Amino acid sequence: MHYRRFLESARGVTLVHRCLEPLAPSSRPPLELPPVMDFHFFSPAPQDEALRSSLGVSQEARVIVYNGNDHAASLSDSRALYDAMELLIERARDVAFIRTGHVLPSNYDGLQFRPGPRCIEPGFIERAAFPPSCAWQMS
């Protein structure tokens, strides 16, 4: 509601993407600071059958992984993701959902989709614990 006046009071504007530049006042110098991503870490890797087995995921299942923490700001996004997973399972898709990070159990309130054989929650995992080949890229 008040973003224009707020941005006008700033000395400059940082953007996560150039597409936001039209929102910045022309009188303020914009600086693009895109989010940093380690493309090597997130590159495709061979399927890790031992990891799948240890998590109880069949070799045929498609794996959807979400690594991130739940918090109040992400509640609606988490719920939408869980709803989508529930819909895939209802439509008889062979999928498994791996959910790492700190999870708020209340995000499951009112949903049939819950932790179990199709929703595996190993909890928070330190990056150093990931295999060098980034075995979490399982599908």
C-alpha atoms as a PDB file:
ATOM      1  CA  MET A   1       0.000   0.000   0.000  1.00  0.00           C
ATOM      2  CA  HIS A   2       2.797   2.419   0.861  1.00  0.00           C
ATOM      3  CA  TYR A   3       5.711   0.922  -1.040  1.00  0.00           C
ATOM      4  CA  ARG A   4       6.162   3.827  -3.470  1.00  0.00           C
ATOM      5  CA  ARG A   5       6.594   6.377  -0.687  1.00  0.00           C
ATOM      6  CA  PHE A   6       8.814   3.947   1.214  1.00  0.00           C
ATOM      7  CA  LEU A   7      11.071   3.367  -1.822  1.00  0.00           C
ATOM      8  CA  GLU A   8      11.222   7.094  -2.573  1.00  0.00           C
ATOM      9  CA  SER A   9      12.655   7.628   0.919  1.00  0.00           C
ATOM     10  CA  ALA A  10      15.464   5.110   0.249  1.00  0.00           C
ATOM     11  CA  ARG A  11      18.918   5.982  -1.062  1.00  0.00           C
ATOM     12  CA  GLY A  12      18.845   3.036  -3.436  1.00  0.00           C
ATOM     13  CA  VAL A  13      16.911  -0.138  -4.233  1.00  0.00           C
ATOM     14  CA  THR A  14      18.186  -3.708  -4.355  1.00  0.00           C
ATOM     15  CA  LEU A  15      16.391  -6.193  -6.588  1.00  0.00           C
ATOM     16  CA  VAL A  16      16.490  -9.992  -6.609  1.00  0.00           C
ATOM     17  CA  HIS A  17      15.587  -9.898 -10.320  1.00  0.00           C
ATOM     18  CA  ARG A  18      15.567  -7.247 -13.041  1.00  0.00           C
ATOM     19  CA  CYS A  19      11.844  -7.808 -13.647  1.00  0.00           C
ATOM     20  CA  LEU A  20      11.225  -5.832 -10.432  1.00  0.00           C
ATOM     21  CA  GLU A  21      12.956  -2.722 -11.808  1.00  0.00           C
ATOM     22  CA  PRO A  22       9.682  -1.073 -12.952  1.00  0.00           C
ATOM     23  CA  LEU A  23       8.574  -1.006  -9.304  1.00  0.00           C
ATOM     24  CA  ALA A  24      11.630   0.968  -8.249  1.00  0.00           C
ATOM     25  CA  PRO A  25      11.480   4.757  -8.486  1.00  0.00           C
ATOM     26  CA  SER A  26      13.503   6.048 -11.428  1.00  0.00           C
ATOM     27  CA  SER A  27      15.117   8.604  -9.090  1.00  0.00           C
ATOM     28  CA  ARG A  28      16.792   5.827  -7.063  1.00  0.00           C
ATOM     29  CA  PRO A  29      19.699   3.775  -8.403  1.00  0.00           C
ATOM     30  CA  PRO A  30      18.766   0.074  -8.584  1.00  0.00           C
ATOM     31  CA  LEU A  31      21.228  -2.721  -7.876  1.00  0.00           C
ATOM     32  CA  GLU A  32      20.436  -6.310  -8.796  1.00  0.00           C
ATOM     33  CA  LEU A  33      21.572  -8.859  -6.188  1.00  0.00           C
ATOM     34  CA  PRO A  34      20.306 -12.218  -7.482  1.00  0.00           C
ATOM     35  CA  PRO A  35      20.002 -15.070  -4.980  1.00  0.00           C
ATOM     36  CA  VAL A  36      23.135 -17.200  -4.824  1.00  0.00           C
ATOM     37  CA  MET A  37      22.839 -20.853  -5.791  1.00  0.00           C
ATOM     38  CA  ASP A  38      25.501 -23.513  -5.874  1.00  0.00           C
ATOM     39  CA  PHE A  39      24.766 -25.081  -9.276  1.00  0.00           C
ATOM     40  CA  HIS A  40      27.396 -27.787  -8.721  1.00  0.00           C
ATOM     41  CA  PHE A  41      25.685 -28.936  -5.517  1.00  0.00           C
ATOM     42  CA  PHE A  42      22.243 -28.948  -7.153  1.00  0.00           C
ATOM     43  CA  SER A  43      23.263 -30.627 -10.400  1.00  0.00           C
ATOM     44  CA  PRO A  44      21.754 -33.985 -11.390  1.00  0.00           C
ATOM     45  CA  ALA A  45      23.449 -37.046  -9.958  1.00  0.00           C
ATOM     46  CA  PRO A  46      22.979 -40.759 -10.464  1.00  0.00           C
ATOM     47  CA  GLN A  47      20.124 -42.312  -8.512  1.00  0.00           C
ATOM     48  CA  ASP A  48      21.334 -43.452  -5.085  1.00  0.00           C
ATOM     49  CA  GLU A  49      19.610 -46.822  -4.648  1.00  0.00           C
ATOM     50  CA  ALA A  50      21.044 -47.392  -1.155  1.00  0.00           C
ATOM     51  CA  LEU A  51      19.665 -44.044   0.015  1.00  0.00           C
ATOM     52  CA  ARG A  52      16.256 -44.804  -1.485  1.00  0.00           C
ATOM     53  CA  SER A  53      16.254 -48.184   0.235  1.00  0.00           C
ATOM     54  CA  SER A  54      17.262 -46.700   3.603  1.00  0.00           C
ATOM     55  CA  LEU A  55      14.302 -44.299   3.346  1.00  0.00           C
ATOM     56  CA  GLY A  56      11.882 -47.019   2.249  1.00  0.00           C
ATOM     57  CA  VAL A  57      11.359 -45.503  -1.212  1.00  0.00           C
ATOM     58  CA  SER A  58      10.806 -47.922  -4.089  1.00  0.00           C
ATOM     59  CA  GLN A  59      13.188 -47.787  -7.043  1.00  0.00           C
ATOM     60  CA  GLU A  60      10.243 -46.952  -9.357  1.00  0.00           C
ATOM     61  CA  ALA A  61       8.774 -44.068  -7.337  1.00  0.00           C
ATOM     62  CA  ARG A  62       9.188 -40.476  -8.426  1.00  0.00           C
ATOM     63  CA  VAL A  63      10.735 -38.501  -5.595  1.00  0.00           C
ATOM     64  CA  ILE A  64       9.828 -34.942  -4.756  1.00  0.00           C
ATOM     65  CA  VAL A  65      12.183 -33.275  -2.294  1.00  0.00           C
ATOM     66  CA  TYR A  66      11.580 -30.102  -0.335  1.00  0.00           C
ATOM     67  CA  ASN A  67      14.347 -28.863   1.885  1.00  0.00           C
ATOM     68  CA  GLY A  68      13.499 -25.834   3.927  1.00  0.00           C
ATOM     69  CA  ASN A  69      12.144 -24.811   7.274  1.00  0.00           C
ATOM     70  CA  ASP A  70       8.517 -24.159   8.114  1.00  0.00           C
ATOM     71  CA  HIS A  71       7.647 -20.787   9.552  1.00  0.00           C
ATOM     72  CA  ALA A  72       4.578 -18.564   9.686  1.00  0.00           C
ATOM     73  CA  ALA A  73       5.464 -16.826   6.406  1.00  0.00           C
ATOM     74  CA  SER A  74       5.588 -20.133   4.508  1.00  0.00           C
ATOM     75  CA  LEU A  75       2.436 -21.710   5.948  1.00  0.00           C
ATOM     76  CA  SER A  76       0.229 -21.238   2.869  1.00  0.00           C
ATOM     77  CA  ASP A  77       3.022 -22.409   0.536  1.00  0.00           C
ATOM     78  CA  SER A  78       3.671 -25.529   2.640  1.00  0.00           C
ATOM     79  CA  ARG A  79      -0.046 -26.318   2.732  1.00  0.00           C
ATOM     80  CA  ALA A  80      -0.309 -25.907  -1.054  1.00  0.00           C
ATOM     81  CA  LEU A  81       2.624 -28.292  -1.520  1.00  0.00           C
ATOM     82  CA  TYR A  82       1.059 -30.874   0.802  1.00  0.00           C
ATOM     83  CA  ASP A  83      -2.284 -30.497  -1.014  1.00  0.00           C
ATOM     84  CA  ALA A  84      -0.506 -31.124  -4.342  1.00  0.00           C
ATOM     85  CA  MET A  85       1.182 -34.231  -2.947  1.00  0.00           C
ATOM     86  CA  GLU A  86      -2.155 -35.519  -1.649  1.00  0.00           C
ATOM     87  CA  LEU A  87      -3.690 -34.985  -5.091  1.00  0.00           C
ATOM     88  CA  LEU A  88      -0.879 -36.914  -6.807  1.00  0.00           C
ATOM     89  CA  ILE A  89      -1.368 -39.830  -4.433  1.00  0.00           C
ATOM     90  CA  GLU A  90      -5.160 -39.738  -4.906  1.00  0.00           C
ATOM     91  CA  ARG A  91      -4.548 -39.997  -8.659  1.00  0.00           C
ATOM     92  CA  ALA A  92      -2.505 -43.159  -8.057  1.00  0.00           C
ATOM     93  CA  ARG A  93       0.854 -41.629  -8.901  1.00  0.00           C
ATOM     94  CA  ASP A  94       3.841 -43.534  -7.537  1.00  0.00           C
ATOM     95  CA  VAL A  95       5.454 -40.655  -5.661  1.00  0.00           C
ATOM     96  CA  ALA A  96       7.376 -40.200  -2.454  1.00  0.00           C
ATOM     97  CA  PHE A  97       7.874 -36.876  -0.719  1.00  0.00           C
ATOM     98  CA  ILE A  98      11.089 -36.237   1.202  1.00  0.00           C
ATOM     99  CA  ARG A  99      10.732 -33.265   3.527  1.00  0.00           C
ATOM    100  CA  THR A 100      13.905 -32.077   5.272  1.00  0.00           C
ATOM    101  CA  GLY A 101      14.315 -29.125   7.571  1.00  0.00           C
ATOM    102  CA  HIS A 102      12.395 -28.042  10.643  1.00  0.00           C
ATOM    103  CA  VAL A 103       8.707 -28.913  10.184  1.00  0.00           C
ATOM    104  CA  LEU A 104       5.709 -27.472  12.015  1.00  0.00           C
ATOM    105  CA  PRO A 105       3.351 -30.424  12.615  1.00  0.00           C
ATOM    106  CA  SER A 106       0.422 -27.970  12.659  1.00  0.00           C
ATOM    107  CA  ASN A 107       0.959 -27.429   8.907  1.00  0.00           C
ATOM    108  CA  TYR A 108      -0.657 -30.844   8.423  1.00  0.00           C
ATOM    109  CA  ASP A 109      -3.803 -29.905  10.406  1.00  0.00           C
ATOM    110  CA  GLY A 110      -6.932 -30.723   8.410  1.00  0.00           C
ATOM    111  CA  LEU A 111      -5.057 -32.664   5.705  1.00  0.00           C
ATOM    112  CA  GLN A 112      -5.130 -36.373   4.981  1.00  0.00           C
ATOM    113  CA  PHE A 113      -1.518 -36.136   3.764  1.00  0.00           C
ATOM    114  CA  ARG A 114       0.698 -36.883   6.742  1.00  0.00           C
ATOM    115  CA  PRO A 115       4.173 -38.244   7.470  1.00  0.00           C
ATOM    116  CA  GLY A 116       4.347 -41.942   6.641  1.00  0.00           C
ATOM    117  CA  PRO A 117       5.539 -44.168   3.778  1.00  0.00           C
ATOM    118  CA  ARG A 118       4.768 -41.498   1.144  1.00  0.00           C
ATOM    119  CA  CYS A 119       5.906 -38.515   3.247  1.00  0.00           C
ATOM    120  CA  ILE A 120       9.318 -39.059   4.796  1.00  0.00           C
ATOM    121  CA  GLU A 121      10.698 -36.452   7.196  1.00  0.00           C
ATOM    122  CA  PRO A 122      14.332 -37.102   8.119  1.00  0.00           C
ATOM    123  CA  GLY A 123      14.448 -33.705   9.884  1.00  0.00           C
ATOM    124  CA  PHE A 124      17.172 -31.100   9.595  1.00  0.00           C
ATOM    125  CA  ILE A 125      20.258 -32.345   7.750  1.00  0.00           C
ATOM    126  CA  GLU A 126      23.530 -30.428   7.759  1.00  0.00           C
ATOM    127  CA  ARG A 127      24.826 -29.732   4.265  1.00  0.00           C
ATOM    128  CA  ALA A 128      28.104 -31.462   5.137  1.00  0.00           C
ATOM    129  CA  ALA A 129      26.123 -34.703   5.600  1.00  0.00           C
ATOM    130  CA  PHE A 130      25.035 -34.752   1.951  1.00  0.00           C
ATOM    131  CA  PRO A 131      27.024 -37.087  -0.278  1.00  0.00           C
ATOM    132  CA  PRO A 132      29.449 -35.409  -2.689  1.00  0.00           C
ATOM    133  CA  SER A 133      27.307 -36.561  -5.623  1.00  0.00           C
ATOM    134  CA  CYS A 134      24.266 -34.812  -4.116  1.00  0.00           C
ATOM    135  CA  ALA A 135      22.295 -38.033  -3.766  1.00  0.00           C
ATOM    136  CA  TRP A 136      19.180 -36.048  -2.844  1.00  0.00           C
ATOM    137  CA  GLN A 137      18.664 -35.493  -6.570  1.00  0.00           C
ATOM    138  CA  MET A 138      17.021 -38.928  -6.658  1.00  0.00           C
ATOM    139  CA  SER A 139      14.484 -38.628  -9.451  1.00  0.00           C
END
